[in-house]
Amino acid sequence: HIFAATEHDLFFLNGVVHAQDRLWQMHSGRMLASGRLCEMVGSKALDLDRFLRQLGLRQLAEEDAQHLRDCGLPDSAEALRMMEAYAEGVNWYAFRCVKRKRLPLEFTLTGQSWEEWTPVHSLALIRFW
């Protein structure tokens, strides 16, 4: 269970818990949704990367985030704040792992490093799944 005093804390802690349990899955999912799988597994994923880039999930996610910023609706602003708090929690945990040299083994095996999580990554995965 997650107990939080504020809504921000709730989404921050949810990000921490997701990162704690699923950091590699989150990283590989965002790479897949962004058409960057070749960076992890080499040229054998080139056709898939090309296809995913043609779908433009990352671009659509960036447009979604911009729409949430610009539309002026209270629910949109609230949704963006929730995603930002979630991303803060993910990054808090992930950068703590980086600092302690405790990223999941898959990062070392694939030569990957952690990149800051943003609401765009969450939106891209929502579009992908």
Foldseek 3Di string as FASTA:
>chain_A
DDDDPDLLSVLLVVLQVCLVVPVVVLVCLLCQLCLNCCLQVNDVCNVSSVVSVVVVLLVVLVVLLVCLVPVPDPVSVVVQSSQASSLNNNVVNQVVCVVVVNDPPSCVVRVHHDDRDHSSSVSSSVVVD
